[in-house]
Amino acid sequence: MKEVLKNYSGIIFLLAGIVIGSIIGIAAPGIVEYIKPLGDIFLNLLFVSVVPLVFFAVSNSIASLEQQSKFGKIILVMSFTFLFFILTAAVFTICAVYLFPVSGVSGSSEAVAETVSEDSWGNRIVSFFTVGEFTQLFSRQNMLALLIFAFMTGFAARKSGEKGQPFRLFIASGYEVMKELLLLIMKIAPIGLGAYFAYQVATLGPQLFGFYAKPLGLYYIAGIVYFFVFFSLYAFMADGQKGIRSFWTNAVYPTLTALSTCSSFATMPANLQAATKIGIPNSIANLVIPIGTTLHKNGSSMSSIIKIYVAFLIIGRDFFDPANLLLALGITVFVSIVAGGIPNGGYIGEMLMISVYQLPQEAIPAVIIIGTLVDPLATVLNAVGDIVAAMFVSRFVKV
């Protein structure tokens, strides 16, 4: 019994915090605003620590790889894995809405204001991949730019040979220090996540049973099925029965973290811990998980299909037309890449969807509101999917 408590004490305390937070959110929503700062403090500490962790983890992984061919194979297998998972989630959702169609959905009278940048697409692409100042790299809003910089730094450290050895030791040491810092911050996770979960329940809970109950119900049921069935299948493909046991034994903590924070970014430390316990090599986990936080999103893939489907219902168009389905898959891949690892991310992708399909104004509130309300489960699928993706990559790349 003592051994069980020792091994699962972190999960037990975290679960207790979430349960207490849920009770507070339901029974006493009036005090949520007073305890929410505890959750904000925890998340802020997490965010400012994870950003340097991403830099050190990615650059150290590249700099420490002994064979260039191994790195190229990891990137290739990772890219195909991400694309395969995203498209599988999208096709599964299309099958779900075809087999269980939603009826009685119409436009909302509520106005949703969203500021859309008037920059040209060229400027948006430039800002997506790069930033103009070095200090802007270390912002969670510029994750892809940070990943690219970390890649280049790792390559430069490798090519510098013996002269670069002190720097390689520095980034290796920095990675270890940031891991320990994250472990310290995660000690207060039960309090911080409990407070934040109380806020989520108090604010989003009532809306789940309102106007969008049917499409939300479809998303949550399909998402839960995908979570248990497909993630188990991917884990089996990665390492057989042992993979399934290992994945589900270690996926609980990241799942609870993602559910509480609605942030893939905040879940990254828990994912890296889980990957270590599963036995995924650091050279793979430290590439796949940070990059997957930005570029690999099963939940966003599924929510993209649901949002397009509901928008088509509102305006009375045929979602299942082959041309519309193919375009939906293309948009979904793009949305899954663009959606940042932050709460309620993906508005840029939603605006793209509305623009490509030339949807009328009345469809905009539905798309944005659904995107907000599915965020808890979408984040779980996005974040925890990075663990099983790392398992999948390690199955085909031996380091």
Protein backbone atom coordinates (compact mmCIF):
# COMPACT_ATOMS: atom_id res chain seq x y z
CA MET A 1 0.00 0.00 0.00
CA LYS A 2 2.84 2.36 0.88
CA GLU A 3 4.49 1.59 -2.47
CA VAL A 4 1.26 2.41 -4.32
CA LEU A 5 0.90 5.69 -2.45
CA LYS A 6 4.51 6.54 -3.21
CA ASN A 7 4.18 5.82 -6.92
CA TYR A 8 0.79 7.48 -7.40
CA SER A 9 0.87 10.24 -4.78
CA GLY A 10 1.32 12.93 -7.46
CA ILE A 11 -1.71 11.74 -9.42
CA ILE A 12 -3.79 11.30 -6.24
CA PHE A 13 -3.03 14.84 -5.02
CA LEU A 14 -3.66 16.30 -8.47
CA LEU A 15 -6.96 14.44 -8.80
CA ALA A 16 -7.97 15.60 -5.31
CA GLY A 17 -7.24 19.20 -6.27
CA ILE A 18 -9.32 18.90 -9.45
CA VAL A 19 -12.24 17.30 -7.59
CA ILE A 20 -12.21 19.99 -4.90
CA GLY A 21 -11.96 22.67 -7.59
CA SER A 22 -14.91 21.15 -9.47
CA ILE A 23 -17.03 21.12 -6.32
CA ILE A 24 -16.19 24.75 -5.65
CA GLY A 25 -16.98 25.70 -9.26
CA ILE A 26 -20.39 24.02 -9.05
CA ALA A 27 -21.40 24.78 -5.46
CA ALA A 28 -19.82 28.20 -4.93
CA PRO A 29 -19.11 29.89 -8.28
CA GLY A 30 -19.12 33.27 -6.56
CA ILE A 31 -15.77 32.66 -4.90
CA VAL A 32 -14.07 31.39 -8.06
CA GLU A 33 -12.78 34.85 -8.91
CA TYR A 34 -10.93 34.93 -5.59
CA ILE A 35 -9.14 31.60 -6.02
CA LYS A 36 -8.49 31.86 -9.77
CA PRO A 37 -5.31 33.96 -9.17
CA LEU A 38 -3.75 30.86 -7.58
CA GLY A 39 -4.25 29.04 -10.88
CA ASP A 40 -2.93 32.01 -12.86
CA ILE A 41 0.22 32.19 -10.73
CA PHE A 42 0.88 28.49 -11.27
CA LEU A 43 0.32 28.73 -15.03
CA ASN A 44 2.53 31.83 -15.33
CA LEU A 45 5.36 30.05 -13.50
CA LEU A 46 4.86 27.06 -15.77
CA PHE A 47 4.85 29.10 -18.97
CA VAL A 48 8.00 31.11 -18.22
CA SER A 49 9.82 27.89 -17.31
CA VAL A 50 8.66 25.78 -20.23
CA VAL A 51 9.86 28.24 -22.87
CA PRO A 52 13.58 27.89 -21.99
CA LEU A 53 13.03 24.17 -21.45
CA VAL A 54 11.87 23.87 -25.07
CA PHE A 55 14.96 25.70 -26.31
CA PHE A 56 17.41 23.62 -24.26
CA ALA A 57 15.61 20.31 -24.93
CA VAL A 58 15.48 20.69 -28.72
CA SER A 59 18.94 22.20 -29.21
CA ASN A 60 20.53 19.69 -26.83
CA SER A 61 18.86 16.75 -28.60
CA ILE A 62 20.20 17.84 -31.97
CA ALA A 63 23.66 18.72 -30.68
CA SER A 64 24.04 15.41 -28.85
CA LEU A 65 22.93 13.11 -31.68
CA GLU A 66 25.98 11.18 -32.80
CA GLN A 67 24.80 10.35 -36.29
CA GLN A 68 23.30 12.89 -38.68
CA SER A 69 21.30 10.12 -40.38
CA LYS A 70 19.51 9.37 -37.10
CA PHE A 71 18.33 12.96 -36.81
CA GLY A 72 17.05 12.98 -40.38
CA LYS A 73 15.19 9.72 -39.81
CA ILE A 74 13.60 11.03 -36.59
CA ILE A 75 12.33 14.14 -38.37
CA LEU A 76 11.01 12.12 -41.32
CA VAL A 77 9.21 9.53 -39.18
CA MET A 78 7.88 12.26 -36.87
CA SER A 79 6.45 14.24 -39.80
CA PHE A 80 4.65 11.21 -41.23
CA THR A 81 3.41 10.27 -37.75
CA PHE A 82 1.94 13.72 -37.12
CA LEU A 83 0.26 13.82 -40.53
CA PHE A 84 -1.07 10.27 -40.16
CA PHE A 85 -2.54 10.95 -36.71
CA ILE A 86 -4.10 14.28 -37.72
CA LEU A 87 -5.73 12.87 -40.86
CA THR A 88 -6.92 9.75 -39.00
CA ALA A 89 -8.61 11.95 -36.38
CA ALA A 90 -10.24 14.05 -39.13
CA VAL A 91 -11.52 11.05 -41.12
CA PHE A 92 -12.82 9.42 -37.92
CA THR A 93 -14.77 12.61 -37.12
CA ILE A 94 -16.20 12.78 -40.64
CA CYS A 95 -17.44 9.20 -40.19
CA ALA A 96 -18.94 10.14 -36.81
CA VAL A 97 -20.93 13.10 -38.15
CA TYR A 98 -22.06 11.00 -41.13
CA LEU A 99 -23.27 8.11 -38.97
CA PHE A 100 -24.74 10.34 -36.24
CA PRO A 101 -25.96 13.51 -37.96
CA VAL A 102 -26.84 16.55 -35.86
CA SER A 103 -30.21 18.19 -36.41
CA GLY A 104 -31.85 21.30 -35.04
CA VAL A 105 -28.74 23.49 -35.17
CA SER A 106 -29.17 27.05 -36.38
CA GLY A 107 -27.35 30.34 -36.10
CA SER A 108 -26.80 32.14 -32.82
CA SER A 109 -27.99 35.66 -32.28
CA GLU A 110 -25.01 36.44 -30.08
CA ALA A 111 -22.30 38.58 -31.59
CA VAL A 112 -18.75 37.45 -31.13
CA ALA A 113 -16.12 40.07 -31.70
CA GLU A 114 -12.77 38.87 -32.89
CA THR A 115 -9.97 41.08 -34.05
CA VAL A 116 -8.53 39.90 -37.33
CA SER A 117 -5.20 41.20 -38.46
CA GLU A 118 -5.23 43.21 -41.67
CA ASP A 119 -1.67 42.19 -42.51
CA SER A 120 -1.06 40.48 -45.82
CA TRP A 121 -0.70 36.70 -45.90
CA GLY A 122 2.99 37.19 -46.70
CA ASN A 123 3.53 39.15 -43.49
CA ARG A 124 1.59 36.57 -41.51
CA ILE A 125 3.74 33.75 -42.86
CA VAL A 126 6.91 35.67 -42.02
CA SER A 127 5.70 36.34 -38.47
CA PHE A 128 4.64 32.70 -38.10
CA PHE A 129 8.14 31.35 -38.81
CA THR A 130 10.36 34.18 -37.54
CA VAL A 131 10.42 37.18 -35.21
CA GLY A 132 12.13 40.55 -35.54
CA GLU A 133 13.78 40.69 -32.12
CA PHE A 134 15.74 38.06 -30.20
CA THR A 135 13.71 38.67 -27.04
CA GLN A 136 10.48 37.85 -28.89
CA LEU A 137 11.71 34.31 -29.42
CA PHE A 138 11.10 33.49 -25.78
CA SER A 139 7.34 33.92 -25.90
CA ARG A 140 4.89 31.05 -26.07
CA GLN A 141 3.12 32.96 -28.83
CA ASN A 142 6.14 32.42 -31.09
CA MET A 143 6.72 28.73 -30.48
CA LEU A 144 7.49 27.77 -34.07
CA ALA A 145 10.06 30.54 -34.39
CA LEU A 146 11.67 29.33 -31.14
CA LEU A 147 11.74 25.74 -32.40
CA ILE A 148 13.42 26.81 -35.65
CA PHE A 149 15.99 28.84 -33.71
CA ALA A 150 16.64 25.89 -31.37
CA PHE A 151 17.11 23.62 -34.40
CA MET A 152 19.64 26.00 -35.93
CA THR A 153 21.45 26.42 -32.61
CA GLY A 154 21.72 22.64 -32.21
CA PHE A 155 23.09 22.27 -35.75
CA ALA A 156 25.60 25.07 -35.18
CA ALA A 157 26.74 23.45 -31.93
CA ARG A 158 27.26 20.14 -33.77
CA LYS A 159 29.24 21.75 -36.60
CA SER A 160 31.46 23.78 -34.29
CA GLY A 161 33.39 20.66 -33.30
CA GLU A 162 35.81 20.81 -30.40
CA LYS A 163 35.51 24.60 -30.05
CA GLY A 164 31.80 24.25 -29.44
CA GLN A 165 32.18 21.66 -26.69
CA PRO A 166 31.76 24.19 -23.83
CA PHE A 167 28.55 25.46 -25.41
CA ARG A 168 27.24 21.92 -25.90
CA LEU A 169 27.93 21.27 -22.22
CA PHE A 170 26.07 24.50 -21.43
CA ILE A 171 22.90 23.53 -23.28
CA ALA A 172 23.05 20.00 -21.83
CA SER A 173 23.41 21.47 -18.35
CA GLY A 174 20.66 24.01 -19.07
CA TYR A 175 18.31 21.20 -20.04
CA GLU A 176 18.93 19.36 -16.77
CA VAL A 177 18.49 22.55 -14.72
CA MET A 178 15.21 23.44 -16.44
CA LYS A 179 13.89 19.91 -15.89
CA GLU A 180 14.55 20.26 -12.17
CA LEU A 181 12.92 23.69 -12.11
CA LEU A 182 9.81 22.25 -13.74
CA LEU A 183 9.70 19.47 -11.14
CA LEU A 184 9.76 22.09 -8.39
CA ILE A 185 6.94 24.08 -9.98
CA MET A 186 4.84 20.94 -10.49
CA LYS A 187 4.88 20.42 -6.71
CA ILE A 188 2.16 23.08 -6.43
CA ALA A 189 0.17 21.65 -9.35
CA PRO A 190 -2.72 20.30 -7.20
CA ILE A 191 -3.41 23.78 -5.82
CA GLY A 192 -2.88 25.69 -9.05
CA LEU A 193 -4.78 23.28 -11.30
CA GLY A 194 -7.56 22.87 -8.74
CA ALA A 195 -8.11 26.62 -8.71
CA TYR A 196 -8.03 26.84 -12.49
CA PHE A 197 -10.39 23.89 -12.87
CA ALA A 198 -12.87 25.60 -10.54
CA TYR A 199 -12.81 28.54 -12.94
CA GLN A 200 -13.33 26.27 -15.96
CA VAL A 201 -16.32 24.52 -14.38
CA ALA A 202 -17.92 27.77 -13.20
CA THR A 203 -17.57 29.57 -16.54
CA LEU A 204 -17.86 26.88 -19.22
CA GLY A 205 -19.99 24.29 -17.43
CA PRO A 206 -23.43 25.94 -17.87
CA GLN A 207 -22.82 26.60 -21.57
CA LEU A 208 -22.25 22.92 -22.31
CA PHE A 209 -25.95 22.25 -21.81
CA GLY A 210 -27.24 25.15 -23.86
CA PHE A 211 -27.66 25.93 -27.53
CA TYR A 212 -24.73 23.83 -28.76
CA ALA A 213 -25.48 20.69 -26.73
CA LYS A 214 -25.90 18.39 -29.75
CA PRO A 215 -22.70 19.16 -31.68
CA LEU A 216 -20.77 19.37 -28.41
CA GLY A 217 -22.16 16.03 -27.31
CA LEU A 218 -21.10 14.49 -30.61
CA TYR A 219 -17.60 15.94 -30.27
CA TYR A 220 -17.13 14.81 -26.68
CA ILE A 221 -18.41 11.28 -27.35
CA ALA A 222 -16.32 10.92 -30.53
CA GLY A 223 -13.31 12.45 -28.78
CA ILE A 224 -13.51 10.10 -25.80
CA VAL A 225 -13.82 7.11 -28.14
CA TYR A 226 -10.82 8.32 -30.14
CA PHE A 227 -8.86 8.93 -26.93
CA PHE A 228 -9.26 5.42 -25.59
CA VAL A 229 -9.52 3.35 -28.78
CA PHE A 230 -7.06 5.02 -31.15
CA PHE A 231 -4.45 5.95 -28.57
CA SER A 232 -4.51 2.34 -27.37
CA LEU A 233 -4.14 1.21 -30.99
CA TYR A 234 -1.18 3.55 -31.56
CA ALA A 235 0.46 2.38 -28.32
CA PHE A 236 -0.03 -1.25 -29.42
CA MET A 237 1.51 -0.49 -32.81
CA ALA A 238 4.45 1.11 -30.99
CA ASP A 239 5.19 -1.64 -28.46
CA GLY A 240 2.43 -4.28 -28.35
CA GLN A 241 0.63 -5.07 -25.10
CA LYS A 242 3.53 -3.65 -23.13
CA GLY A 243 3.10 -0.35 -24.94
CA ILE A 244 -0.59 -0.16 -24.03
CA ARG A 245 0.10 -0.84 -20.35
CA SER A 246 3.01 1.57 -20.22
CA PHE A 247 1.11 4.34 -22.01
CA TRP A 248 -2.01 4.23 -19.88
CA THR A 249 -0.05 3.86 -16.66
CA ASN A 250 1.82 7.08 -17.36
CA ALA A 251 -0.77 9.09 -19.32
CA VAL A 252 -3.00 9.89 -16.33
CA TYR A 253 -0.98 12.82 -15.02
CA PRO A 254 -0.63 14.56 -18.42
CA THR A 255 -4.35 13.96 -19.07
CA LEU A 256 -5.39 15.63 -15.83
CA THR A 257 -2.96 18.50 -16.44
CA ALA A 258 -4.31 19.09 -19.95
CA LEU A 259 -7.92 18.89 -18.77
CA SER A 260 -7.27 21.42 -16.01
CA THR A 261 -5.23 23.99 -17.92
CA CYS A 262 -6.67 23.70 -21.45
CA SER A 263 -3.08 24.21 -22.61
CA SER A 264 -0.84 21.81 -24.50
CA PHE A 265 2.05 24.06 -23.59
CA ALA A 266 1.41 23.72 -19.85
CA THR A 267 1.14 19.94 -20.25
CA MET A 268 4.57 19.60 -21.86
CA PRO A 269 6.49 19.02 -18.59
CA ALA A 270 4.10 16.24 -17.59
CA ASN A 271 4.48 14.74 -21.08
CA LEU A 272 8.27 14.75 -20.84
CA GLN A 273 8.09 13.07 -17.43
CA ALA A 274 5.72 10.44 -18.79
CA ALA A 275 7.97 9.82 -21.81
CA THR A 276 10.92 9.17 -19.49
CA LYS A 277 8.92 6.68 -17.42
CA ILE A 278 7.69 4.91 -20.55
CA GLY A 279 11.28 4.52 -21.69
CA ILE A 280 11.23 6.72 -24.78
CA PRO A 281 14.81 7.85 -25.56
CA ASN A 282 15.46 11.48 -24.63
CA SER A 283 16.79 12.23 -28.11
CA ILE A 284 13.33 11.35 -29.49
CA ALA A 285 11.09 12.63 -26.69
CA ASN A 286 12.88 16.00 -26.52
CA LEU A 287 12.21 16.56 -30.22
CA VAL A 288 8.80 14.99 -30.77
CA ILE A 289 7.01 16.37 -27.69
CA PRO A 290 8.08 20.05 -27.92
CA ILE A 291 7.55 20.12 -31.69
CA GLY A 292 4.29 18.18 -31.34
CA THR A 293 3.01 20.78 -28.88
CA THR A 294 2.93 23.23 -31.77
CA LEU A 295 2.47 21.08 -34.87
CA HIS A 296 0.57 17.95 -33.81
CA LYS A 297 -3.05 18.31 -32.68
CA ASN A 298 -5.54 15.45 -32.83
CA GLY A 299 -8.15 17.37 -30.86
CA SER A 300 -7.89 20.45 -33.07
CA SER A 301 -8.26 18.20 -36.11
CA MET A 302 -11.52 16.77 -34.76
CA SER A 303 -12.87 20.15 -33.65
CA SER A 304 -12.08 21.63 -37.07
CA ILE A 305 -14.29 19.03 -38.76
CA ILE A 306 -17.10 19.58 -36.23
CA LYS A 307 -16.96 23.37 -36.70
CA ILE A 308 -17.05 23.12 -40.49
CA TYR A 309 -19.92 20.63 -40.27
CA VAL A 310 -21.99 22.86 -37.95
CA ALA A 311 -21.30 25.94 -40.07
CA PHE A 312 -22.59 24.06 -43.12
CA LEU A 313 -25.71 23.03 -41.19
CA ILE A 314 -26.39 26.64 -40.29
CA ILE A 315 -26.22 27.88 -43.89
CA GLY A 316 -27.86 24.77 -45.36
CA ARG A 317 -24.96 23.55 -47.50
CA ASP A 318 -23.91 19.94 -48.12
CA PHE A 319 -20.86 19.16 -46.01
CA PHE A 320 -20.49 15.68 -47.51
CA ASP A 321 -19.91 16.90 -51.06
CA PRO A 322 -16.53 15.35 -52.07
CA ALA A 323 -14.99 18.73 -52.90
CA ASN A 324 -16.05 20.13 -49.51
CA LEU A 325 -14.67 17.07 -47.70
CA LEU A 326 -11.27 17.31 -49.42
CA LEU A 327 -11.07 21.03 -48.66
CA ALA A 328 -12.08 20.30 -45.06
CA LEU A 329 -9.19 17.84 -44.71
CA GLY A 330 -6.73 20.38 -46.10
CA ILE A 331 -7.99 23.12 -43.78
CA THR A 332 -7.90 20.70 -40.86
CA VAL A 333 -4.22 19.88 -41.42
CA PHE A 334 -3.42 23.59 -41.56
CA VAL A 335 -5.55 24.42 -38.50
CA SER A 336 -3.91 21.61 -36.54
CA ILE A 337 -0.51 23.14 -37.29
CA VAL A 338 -1.48 26.78 -36.69
CA ALA A 339 -3.39 26.27 -33.43
CA GLY A 340 -0.94 27.28 -30.69
CA GLY A 341 -0.43 25.39 -27.45
CA ILE A 342 -2.37 27.99 -25.46
CA PRO A 343 -5.93 28.05 -24.09
CA ASN A 344 -8.62 28.73 -26.72
CA GLY A 345 -6.07 28.85 -29.52
CA GLY A 346 -6.87 28.38 -33.18
CA TYR A 347 -8.82 31.56 -34.03
CA ILE A 348 -6.51 32.18 -36.99
CA GLY A 349 -7.44 28.77 -38.37
CA GLU A 350 -11.12 29.47 -37.79
CA MET A 351 -10.89 32.73 -39.72
CA LEU A 352 -9.14 30.84 -42.52
CA MET A 353 -11.95 28.30 -42.58
CA ILE A 354 -14.58 31.03 -42.84
CA SER A 355 -12.60 32.79 -45.57
CA VAL A 356 -11.96 29.69 -47.71
CA TYR A 357 -15.57 28.52 -47.61
CA GLN A 358 -16.84 32.11 -47.88
CA LEU A 359 -19.19 31.48 -44.98
CA PRO A 360 -21.70 34.21 -44.09
CA GLN A 361 -21.47 36.27 -40.92
CA GLU A 362 -24.04 34.22 -39.00
CA ALA A 363 -21.71 31.19 -39.05
CA ILE A 364 -18.88 33.02 -37.27
CA PRO A 365 -20.32 32.90 -33.71
CA ALA A 366 -21.03 29.16 -34.01
CA VAL A 367 -17.49 28.38 -35.13
CA ILE A 368 -15.83 30.44 -32.38
CA ILE A 369 -18.16 29.34 -29.56
CA ILE A 370 -17.76 25.64 -30.42
CA GLY A 371 -14.00 26.10 -30.58
CA THR A 372 -14.06 27.51 -27.05
CA LEU A 373 -16.38 24.90 -25.52
CA VAL A 374 -14.54 21.86 -26.91
CA ASP A 375 -11.19 23.19 -25.72
CA PRO A 376 -10.82 20.98 -22.59
CA LEU A 377 -11.12 17.66 -24.43
CA ALA A 378 -9.36 19.01 -27.52
CA THR A 379 -6.37 19.92 -25.35
CA VAL A 380 -6.28 16.42 -23.85
CA LEU A 381 -6.23 14.88 -27.32
CA ASN A 382 -3.64 17.40 -28.53
CA ALA A 383 -1.28 17.08 -25.59
CA VAL A 384 -1.50 13.40 -24.68
CA GLY A 385 -1.30 12.54 -28.36
CA ASP A 386 2.29 13.81 -28.30
CA ILE A 387 3.26 11.00 -25.91
CA VAL A 388 1.87 8.25 -28.10
CA ALA A 389 3.41 9.96 -31.16
CA ALA A 390 6.82 9.83 -29.46
CA MET A 391 6.24 6.12 -28.72
CA PHE A 392 5.33 5.62 -32.37
CA VAL A 393 8.47 7.36 -33.59
CA SER A 394 10.70 5.38 -31.21
CA ARG A 395 9.23 2.18 -32.67
CA PHE A 396 10.74 2.98 -36.08
CA VAL A 397 13.89 4.86 -35.04
CA LYS A 398 16.38 3.12 -32.79
CA VAL A 399 18.83 5.48 -31.09
